[in-house]
Amino acid sequence: MAVLELKIPALGESISSVTFAKWLKPNGSTVALDEPLCEIETEKANQELLAEKAGKLIWVAKEGEDLDIGALFGKIETDVAAAASAESPKPAEISKSETEKTATPPAAATSENYATGHPSPAAAKILADGGASASTVSGSGKDGRITKEDAQKVVEQKTAAPVFTPPPSSSPIPAPPKPAPFGAPAVVLPANFSRNEHRERLSRMRRTIAKRLVSAKNNTAMLTTFNEVDMTAVMELREKYQEAFVKKYGIKLGFMSIFAKACAKVLLEMPDVNAMLDGEEIVFHDFADISFAISTPNGLVVPPIRNVESLNFAQVEGKLKELAAKARDGKLSLEEMSGGTFTITNGGVFGSLMSTPIINEPQSAILGMHAIKERPMVVGGEIKARPMMYLALSYDHRVIDGSTSVTFLVKVKNLIEDPIALLIDI
């Protein structure tokens, strides 16, 4: 019997192991060439592995198992595909009588495929949040796929109050609780009161994020400097030109592209902030590859946009929209996740007023944007309400001096408050 061994392929120099996320085809099913077999989870992105040959799939790895690169995760019996092909009758061999026999089609047989017993993305999230397993759900969707409604029913049943069943006759009947002392108020628990708890294994991405954050905190001389920026001019610019911008480019002008272009300009003027430490050497960059923190259901990812200094605002917005969509769908490639010389994170979209962002190693600095709030400011000797944002720059003091970090933040602030200077590059 010819058997093809399926092994975890090499996925990049920095990746030595993966987490086997889930099988996409049932054990013992027949698979075709290049058909998705399973999904693996790396520290950067999820990836599907395809069938290298047609045949019968034999599971080896278990879902949730950690595997090294080159480890065996399954097998394909290729003789099965060859035998099925040989046994299939050719069109010329079908006799007229056989054609007449099959004039009335038999009832369609049901067979399992990769969708059978697997939840849709929405159903998978509901099951995970409710602490339920897909193996306990009977799918009512097409080909037996578990739908959102199936998952909701199981979670509702699981979280419902348990029905009391009397103990077996052989079991001792517990003594009734002692009555409360006279005059003491009776303890009444709310219907939704619970002391239940459950455990979930950290995903590989979450484990990697945790490892890198601790490394950045322990291995860098990290400090944070703050400033505030008046967003009046930028908001007026967007309001005035938004309609024309959308009409020409088909995408809205957001704050991110303006901050990215301002940072890229200042990074090239102040190469220390755009540099990184490599042993006893400092690596300087003549380009600004800016990473953007994007929140996904699996954790935070920071894919970079390369050569931001050479892109216009519409190109930055378009690329950012593309990366955000891929990140949410788990379709970012390893190449799209690697690199970057500086990072921007925007906690303001979640309502953060001020924070101290952690450096994205091996970079030396990260800019934190925050929520825009109207505050009373003195303008021309008068108190006026202005839309203000706090900015935070965390930096590695081994590479960047305090005066350099403050100057960088002030330059960015000035460009945001006077975006015309940014547009005409002065």
Protein backbone atom coordinates (compact mmCIF):
# COMPACT_ATOMS: atom_id res chain seq x y z
CA MET A 1 0.00 0.00 0.00
CA ALA A 2 1.38 3.41 -1.02
CA VAL A 3 1.21 5.89 1.85
CA LEU A 4 2.21 9.55 1.68
CA GLU A 5 3.34 11.05 4.99
CA LEU A 6 2.16 14.59 5.67
CA LYS A 7 4.60 16.76 7.60
CA ILE A 8 4.56 20.35 8.89
CA PRO A 9 6.41 22.43 6.25
CA ALA A 10 9.04 25.09 6.94
CA LEU A 11 7.24 28.43 7.37
CA GLY A 12 10.10 30.85 7.96
CA GLU A 13 13.37 31.18 9.81
CA SER A 14 11.79 32.46 13.03
CA ILE A 15 9.12 29.72 13.25
CA SER A 16 10.21 26.43 14.81
CA SER A 17 6.84 25.03 15.91
CA VAL A 18 3.12 25.45 15.27
CA THR A 19 -0.18 24.63 16.95
CA PHE A 20 -2.40 22.19 15.07
CA ALA A 21 -5.66 24.19 15.11
CA LYS A 22 -8.24 21.91 13.48
CA TRP A 23 -8.91 19.32 10.80
CA LEU A 24 -10.95 20.46 7.82
CA LYS A 25 -11.60 16.91 6.51
CA PRO A 26 -12.98 13.92 8.46
CA ASN A 27 -10.69 11.04 9.37
CA GLY A 28 -10.85 8.34 6.69
CA SER A 29 -12.40 10.60 4.06
CA THR A 30 -11.27 10.72 0.45
CA VAL A 31 -9.43 13.92 -0.45
CA ALA A 32 -8.48 15.45 -3.77
CA LEU A 33 -5.19 17.00 -4.81
CA ASP A 34 -4.69 20.51 -3.33
CA GLU A 35 -7.80 20.20 -1.15
CA PRO A 36 -7.48 21.95 2.25
CA LEU A 37 -6.85 19.33 4.94
CA CYS A 38 -6.24 21.27 8.13
CA GLU A 39 -5.46 24.62 9.67
CA ILE A 40 -2.33 25.35 11.67
CA GLU A 41 -1.69 28.32 13.92
CA THR A 42 1.70 30.05 13.94
CA GLU A 43 2.87 32.88 16.13
CA LYS A 44 2.04 35.30 13.32
CA ALA A 45 -0.92 33.96 11.34
CA ASN A 46 -3.10 30.92 10.64
CA GLN A 47 -2.46 28.85 7.52
CA GLU A 48 -4.19 25.99 5.70
CA LEU A 49 -2.22 22.92 4.59
CA LEU A 50 -3.27 21.28 1.32
CA ALA A 51 -3.32 17.67 0.16
CA GLU A 52 -0.16 16.84 -1.80
CA LYS A 53 -1.90 13.86 -3.47
CA ALA A 54 -5.38 12.40 -3.74
CA GLY A 55 -6.38 9.46 -1.55
CA LYS A 56 -7.72 8.44 1.85
CA LEU A 57 -6.85 10.78 4.75
CA ILE A 58 -5.59 9.27 8.00
CA TRP A 59 -5.37 11.58 11.02
CA VAL A 60 -2.24 11.54 13.18
CA ALA A 61 -2.12 14.92 14.94
CA LYS A 62 -4.74 16.02 17.45
CA GLU A 63 -6.42 19.41 17.43
CA GLY A 64 -4.70 21.82 19.84
CA GLU A 65 -1.42 19.85 19.77
CA ASP A 66 1.92 21.67 19.42
CA LEU A 67 4.09 20.30 16.61
CA ASP A 68 7.65 21.06 15.52
CA ILE A 69 8.49 21.89 11.93
CA GLY A 70 8.85 18.59 10.04
CA ALA A 71 6.60 16.67 12.45
CA LEU A 72 4.14 14.11 11.05
CA PHE A 73 0.52 15.29 11.26
CA GLY A 74 -1.26 12.87 8.92
CA LYS A 75 -1.07 10.31 6.10
CA ILE A 76 -2.72 9.80 2.71
CA GLU A 77 -3.28 6.30 1.31
CA THR A 78 -2.81 7.06 -2.38
CA ASP A 79 -3.82 3.54 -3.53
CA VAL A 80 -7.42 4.34 -2.59
CA ALA A 81 -7.61 7.16 -5.13
CA ALA A 82 -6.01 4.98 -7.83
CA ALA A 83 -8.41 2.09 -7.13
CA ALA A 84 -11.43 4.38 -7.20
CA SER A 85 -10.30 5.79 -10.53
CA ALA A 86 -9.78 2.30 -12.02
CA GLU A 87 -13.19 1.06 -10.86
CA SER A 88 -15.08 4.03 -12.29
CA PRO A 89 -16.86 2.88 -15.51
CA LYS A 90 -16.10 4.78 -18.68
CA PRO A 91 -19.04 6.38 -20.55
CA ALA A 92 -18.66 3.94 -23.52
CA GLU A 93 -18.98 0.91 -21.20
CA ILE A 94 -22.44 1.80 -19.93
CA SER A 95 -24.99 -0.37 -21.75
CA LYS A 96 -28.38 0.74 -22.92
CA SER A 97 -30.11 -1.55 -20.42
CA GLU A 98 -28.08 -0.03 -17.59
CA THR A 99 -29.15 3.40 -18.78
CA GLU A 100 -32.77 2.31 -18.67
CA LYS A 101 -32.32 0.90 -15.17
CA THR A 102 -31.13 4.22 -13.89
CA ALA A 103 -33.84 6.21 -15.62
CA THR A 104 -35.47 6.73 -12.25
CA PRO A 105 -32.84 8.34 -10.01
CA PRO A 106 -32.45 6.74 -6.58
CA ALA A 107 -32.73 8.75 -3.41
CA ALA A 108 -29.65 10.92 -2.91
CA ALA A 109 -27.19 9.43 -0.46
CA THR A 110 -25.78 11.63 2.21
CA SER A 111 -22.07 11.73 2.80
CA GLU A 112 -19.83 13.70 5.09
CA ASN A 113 -17.41 16.32 3.88
CA TYR A 114 -15.15 18.92 5.44
CA ALA A 115 -18.13 21.05 6.56
CA THR A 116 -19.76 18.22 8.56
CA GLY A 117 -19.53 18.92 12.28
CA HIS A 118 -17.48 22.10 11.82
CA PRO A 119 -18.84 25.45 13.06
CA SER A 120 -19.11 28.59 10.99
CA PRO A 121 -16.88 31.49 12.18
CA ALA A 122 -19.80 33.09 14.05
CA ALA A 123 -20.78 29.75 15.61
CA ALA A 124 -17.17 29.02 16.62
CA LYS A 125 -16.98 32.32 18.51
CA ILE A 126 -20.28 31.68 20.32
CA LEU A 127 -19.13 28.19 21.34
CA ALA A 128 -15.76 29.50 22.54
CA ASP A 129 -17.35 32.31 24.58
CA GLY A 130 -19.86 29.87 26.07
CA GLY A 131 -17.24 27.23 26.90
CA ALA A 132 -18.95 24.61 24.73
CA SER A 133 -17.32 22.07 22.42
CA ALA A 134 -18.24 21.64 18.75
CA SER A 135 -18.22 17.87 19.24
CA THR A 136 -21.42 18.17 21.33
CA VAL A 137 -23.34 20.05 18.64
CA SER A 138 -25.36 18.54 15.82
CA GLY A 139 -25.08 20.78 12.76
CA SER A 140 -28.28 21.72 10.95
CA GLY A 141 -26.64 23.74 8.19
CA LYS A 142 -25.63 22.68 4.70
CA ASP A 143 -23.62 19.43 4.69
CA GLY A 144 -23.98 19.26 8.48
CA ARG A 145 -22.17 22.53 9.23
CA ILE A 146 -22.83 23.97 12.69
CA THR A 147 -24.72 27.24 12.31
CA LYS A 148 -24.93 30.25 14.60
CA GLU A 149 -28.39 29.14 15.76
CA ASP A 150 -27.09 25.64 16.62
CA ALA A 151 -24.33 27.14 18.76
CA GLN A 152 -26.71 29.53 20.54
CA LYS A 153 -29.05 26.67 21.49
CA VAL A 154 -26.21 24.60 22.99
CA VAL A 155 -24.79 27.55 24.95
CA GLU A 156 -28.25 28.49 26.26
CA GLN A 157 -28.83 24.91 27.39
CA LYS A 158 -25.45 24.78 29.08
CA THR A 159 -25.92 28.04 30.96
CA ALA A 160 -29.49 27.19 32.04
CA ALA A 161 -30.05 26.48 35.73
CA PRO A 162 -29.43 22.77 36.47
CA VAL A 163 -32.50 20.66 37.30
CA PHE A 164 -32.39 19.03 40.72
CA THR A 165 -32.46 15.23 40.72
CA PRO A 166 -32.85 13.32 43.97
CA PRO A 167 -29.89 11.16 45.05
CA PRO A 168 -30.06 7.34 44.57
CA SER A 169 -31.65 5.38 47.35
CA SER A 170 -28.28 3.87 48.25
CA SER A 171 -26.80 7.32 48.81
CA PRO A 172 -27.21 9.02 52.18
CA ILE A 173 -29.70 11.88 52.10
CA PRO A 174 -27.93 15.10 53.09
CA ALA A 175 -29.14 16.76 56.24
CA PRO A 176 -31.29 19.84 55.71
CA PRO A 177 -29.57 23.17 56.28
CA LYS A 178 -29.85 24.68 59.73
CA PRO A 179 -32.40 27.49 59.92
CA ALA A 180 -31.07 31.01 60.21
CA PRO A 181 -31.02 32.47 63.73
CA PHE A 182 -34.18 34.29 64.76
CA GLY A 183 -34.21 37.77 63.36
CA ALA A 184 -31.39 37.15 60.83
CA PRO A 185 -32.29 38.05 57.22
CA ALA A 186 -32.59 35.10 54.85
CA VAL A 187 -29.89 34.91 52.16
CA VAL A 188 -31.49 35.01 48.70
CA LEU A 189 -29.20 34.36 45.75
CA PRO A 190 -30.04 35.95 42.41
CA ALA A 191 -31.13 33.62 39.63
CA ASN A 192 -27.99 34.35 37.63
CA PHE A 193 -25.61 33.85 40.55
CA SER A 194 -22.83 31.45 39.56
CA ARG A 195 -19.50 30.18 40.83
CA ASN A 196 -18.64 28.25 37.65
CA GLU A 197 -15.28 28.64 35.97
CA HIS A 198 -13.56 27.12 32.97
CA ARG A 199 -10.08 27.03 31.48
CA GLU A 200 -8.94 27.68 27.93
CA ARG A 201 -5.49 27.04 26.54
CA LEU A 202 -3.70 30.15 25.32
CA SER A 203 -3.52 30.31 21.54
CA ARG A 204 -0.08 30.30 19.98
CA MET A 205 -0.53 33.92 18.92
CA ARG A 206 -1.49 34.95 22.47
CA ARG A 207 1.49 33.06 23.89
CA THR A 208 3.80 34.79 21.42
CA ILE A 209 2.31 38.21 22.22
CA ALA A 210 2.82 37.58 25.94
CA LYS A 211 6.41 36.46 25.42
CA ARG A 212 7.28 39.51 23.31
CA LEU A 213 5.65 42.00 25.65
CA VAL A 214 7.53 40.62 28.65
CA SER A 215 10.75 40.62 26.60
CA ALA A 216 10.24 44.26 25.59
CA LYS A 217 9.56 45.28 29.18
CA ASN A 218 12.53 43.36 30.62
CA ASN A 219 15.14 43.83 27.87
CA THR A 220 14.72 47.49 26.93
CA ALA A 221 15.29 50.73 28.84
CA MET A 222 11.75 51.87 28.05
CA LEU A 223 10.48 55.34 28.91
CA THR A 224 7.41 57.27 27.77
CA THR A 225 7.05 60.97 27.01
CA PHE A 226 3.69 62.73 26.55
CA ASN A 227 2.27 65.71 24.73
CA GLU A 228 -1.12 66.89 23.53
CA VAL A 229 -2.23 67.96 20.07
CA ASP A 230 -5.02 70.28 18.96
CA MET A 231 -6.98 68.38 16.28
CA THR A 232 -8.95 71.42 15.06
CA ALA A 233 -7.01 71.97 11.81
CA VAL A 234 -7.02 68.28 10.85
CA MET A 235 -10.74 67.92 11.52
CA GLU A 236 -11.49 71.03 9.45
CA LEU A 237 -9.29 69.68 6.64
CA ARG A 238 -11.14 66.36 6.61
CA GLU A 239 -14.54 68.04 6.71
CA LYS A 240 -13.66 70.37 3.84
CA TYR A 241 -12.10 67.82 1.47
CA GLN A 242 -13.68 64.51 2.52
CA GLU A 243 -16.32 64.43 -0.19
CA ALA A 244 -13.83 65.26 -2.97
CA PHE A 245 -11.32 62.77 -1.54
CA VAL A 246 -13.86 59.94 -1.54
CA LYS A 247 -15.03 60.85 -5.04
CA LYS A 248 -11.48 60.69 -6.42
CA TYR A 249 -10.00 57.77 -4.47
CA GLY A 250 -13.03 55.77 -3.33
CA ILE A 251 -11.90 55.75 0.29
CA LYS A 252 -12.27 58.09 3.26
CA LEU A 253 -9.46 60.26 4.59
CA GLY A 254 -8.85 59.14 8.18
CA PHE A 255 -6.63 60.28 11.01
CA MET A 256 -4.26 57.31 10.65
CA SER A 257 -2.88 58.29 7.25
CA ILE A 258 -2.25 61.86 8.44
CA PHE A 259 -0.39 60.68 11.54
CA ALA A 260 1.51 58.10 9.47
CA LYS A 261 2.68 60.70 6.96
CA ALA A 262 3.67 63.09 9.76
CA CYS A 263 5.64 60.37 11.55
CA ALA A 264 7.33 59.23 8.32
CA LYS A 265 8.49 62.78 7.59
CA VAL A 266 9.93 63.26 11.08
CA LEU A 267 11.47 59.76 11.18
CA LEU A 268 13.61 60.58 8.15
CA GLU A 269 14.61 63.87 9.77
CA MET A 270 15.49 62.12 13.06
CA PRO A 271 17.00 58.72 12.13
CA ASP A 272 17.68 57.76 15.78
CA VAL A 273 13.95 57.22 16.37
CA ASN A 274 13.78 55.08 13.22
CA ALA A 275 16.77 52.92 14.22
CA MET A 276 17.07 49.65 16.13
CA LEU A 277 19.70 47.98 18.29
CA ASP A 278 21.43 44.85 16.97
CA GLY A 279 23.96 43.58 19.50
CA GLU A 280 26.55 46.32 19.86
CA GLU A 281 25.51 48.05 16.63
CA ILE A 282 22.70 50.46 15.76
CA VAL A 283 20.92 49.83 12.45
CA PHE A 284 19.67 53.01 10.77
CA HIS A 285 17.02 53.02 8.04
CA ASP A 286 16.65 55.42 5.13
CA PHE A 287 12.98 54.47 4.80
CA ALA A 288 9.93 54.50 7.05
CA ASP A 289 8.17 51.12 7.31
CA ILE A 290 5.45 51.89 9.82
CA SER A 291 3.66 49.06 11.64
CA PHE A 292 0.03 49.57 12.67
CA ALA A 293 -1.50 47.81 15.68
CA ILE A 294 -4.69 46.02 14.58
CA SER A 295 -6.98 44.28 17.05
CA THR A 296 -8.32 40.84 15.98
CA PRO A 297 -10.35 38.15 17.78
CA ASN A 298 -7.11 36.18 18.27
CA GLY A 299 -5.00 39.08 19.55
CA LEU A 300 -3.08 42.15 18.44
CA VAL A 301 -1.12 42.08 15.18
CA VAL A 302 1.22 44.79 13.84
CA PRO A 303 1.67 44.44 10.06
CA PRO A 304 3.78 47.22 8.48
CA ILE A 305 3.10 49.49 5.52
CA ARG A 306 6.40 49.83 3.69
CA ASN A 307 7.90 53.11 2.47
CA VAL A 308 5.17 55.31 3.92
CA GLU A 309 7.30 58.34 3.06
CA SER A 310 6.78 57.57 -0.65
CA LEU A 311 3.00 56.99 -0.49
CA ASN A 312 0.18 59.52 -0.64
CA PHE A 313 -2.69 59.66 1.87
CA ALA A 314 -5.04 57.57 -0.28
CA GLN A 315 -2.43 54.84 -0.76
CA VAL A 316 -1.82 54.65 2.99
CA GLU A 317 -5.57 54.49 3.73
CA GLY A 318 -6.10 51.80 1.08
CA LYS A 319 -3.23 49.65 2.30
CA LEU A 320 -4.33 50.02 5.91
CA LYS A 321 -7.89 48.97 5.02
CA GLU A 322 -6.53 45.92 3.17
CA LEU A 323 -4.30 44.85 6.08
CA ALA A 324 -7.12 45.32 8.61
CA ALA A 325 -9.48 43.13 6.58
CA LYS A 326 -6.87 40.39 6.20
CA ALA A 327 -6.03 40.56 9.91
CA ARG A 328 -9.66 40.12 10.96
CA ASP A 329 -10.06 37.18 8.57
CA GLY A 330 -6.76 35.60 9.67
CA LYS A 331 -5.34 35.80 6.14
CA LEU A 332 -2.20 37.85 6.73
CA SER A 333 0.87 36.18 5.23
CA LEU A 334 4.15 35.84 7.11
CA GLU A 335 5.73 38.39 4.80
CA GLU A 336 2.96 40.90 5.52
CA MET A 337 3.54 40.41 9.25
CA SER A 338 7.31 40.88 9.23
CA GLY A 339 9.44 44.02 9.29
CA GLY A 340 8.67 47.56 10.40
CA THR A 341 10.89 50.33 11.75
CA PHE A 342 8.32 52.22 13.86
CA THR A 343 4.82 51.49 15.21
CA ILE A 344 1.60 53.47 15.65
CA THR A 345 -1.17 52.26 17.93
CA ASN A 346 -4.54 53.96 18.40
CA GLY A 347 -6.18 53.17 21.71
CA GLY A 348 -8.56 56.05 21.13
CA VAL A 349 -10.86 53.86 19.04
CA PHE A 350 -11.62 51.96 22.27
CA GLY A 351 -11.98 55.13 24.34
CA SER A 352 -8.51 55.26 25.91
CA LEU A 353 -7.63 58.76 27.12
CA MET A 354 -3.97 58.07 27.95
CA SER A 355 -1.66 55.04 28.01
CA THR A 356 1.98 53.98 27.88
CA PRO A 357 2.34 51.68 24.83
CA ILE A 358 4.99 48.95 24.89
CA ILE A 359 7.74 48.97 22.26
CA ASN A 360 7.37 46.51 19.40
CA GLU A 361 10.80 44.83 19.42
CA PRO A 362 13.26 45.11 17.75
CA GLN A 363 12.00 48.62 17.01
CA SER A 364 13.03 51.47 19.29
CA ALA A 365 9.86 53.57 19.49
CA ILE A 366 6.06 53.44 19.30
CA LEU A 367 3.54 56.29 19.07
CA GLY A 368 0.29 56.00 21.00
CA MET A 369 -2.79 57.92 19.81
CA HIS A 370 -5.79 58.38 22.10
CA ALA A 371 -9.39 59.57 22.23
CA ILE A 372 -10.24 63.09 21.05
CA LYS A 373 -11.95 65.07 23.82
CA GLU A 374 -13.08 68.68 23.89
CA ARG A 375 -11.23 70.57 26.64
CA PRO A 376 -10.97 74.24 27.57
CA MET A 377 -7.77 75.69 26.11
CA VAL A 378 -6.32 79.19 26.16
CA VAL A 379 -6.19 80.43 22.55
CA GLY A 380 -5.08 84.02 21.89
CA GLY A 381 -5.78 84.97 25.49
CA GLU A 382 -9.29 83.49 25.41
CA ILE A 383 -10.60 80.20 26.75
CA LYS A 384 -12.07 78.10 23.97
CA ALA A 385 -13.26 74.50 23.65
CA ARG A 386 -10.82 72.55 21.49
CA PRO A 387 -10.74 68.90 20.33
CA MET A 388 -7.58 67.65 22.04
CA MET A 389 -5.72 64.33 21.89
CA TYR A 390 -2.97 63.09 24.19
CA LEU A 391 0.03 61.60 22.40
CA ALA A 392 2.47 59.15 24.00
CA LEU A 393 5.88 58.11 22.65
CA SER A 394 7.47 55.08 24.31
CA TYR A 395 11.13 54.66 23.37
CA ASP A 396 14.23 52.62 24.14
CA HIS A 397 16.56 54.93 26.05
CA ARG A 398 19.55 52.84 24.96
CA VAL A 399 19.06 54.13 21.40
CA ILE A 400 17.07 57.35 21.81
CA ASP A 401 17.95 60.19 24.17
CA GLY A 402 15.25 61.97 26.13
CA SER A 403 15.71 65.23 24.23
CA THR A 404 15.41 63.36 20.92
CA SER A 405 12.14 61.72 21.95
CA VAL A 406 10.63 65.02 23.11
CA THR A 407 11.72 66.81 19.93
CA PHE A 408 10.25 64.03 17.77
CA LEU A 409 6.88 64.26 19.51
CA VAL A 410 6.82 68.06 19.28
CA LYS A 411 7.58 67.92 15.53
CA VAL A 412 4.74 65.45 14.97
CA LYS A 413 2.42 67.63 17.06
CA ASN A 414 3.30 70.72 15.00
CA LEU A 415 2.62 68.92 11.70
CA ILE A 416 -0.77 67.69 12.91
CA GLU A 417 -1.74 71.16 14.14
CA ASP A 418 -0.61 72.68 10.82
CA PRO A 419 -1.31 69.98 8.19
CA ILE A 420 -0.64 72.44 5.31
CA ALA A 421 3.04 72.31 6.28
CA LEU A 422 2.84 68.53 5.98
CA LEU A 423 1.15 68.70 2.57
CA ILE A 424 3.67 71.14 1.07
CA ASP A 425 6.57 69.33 2.80
CA ILE A 426 8.14 72.16 4.79
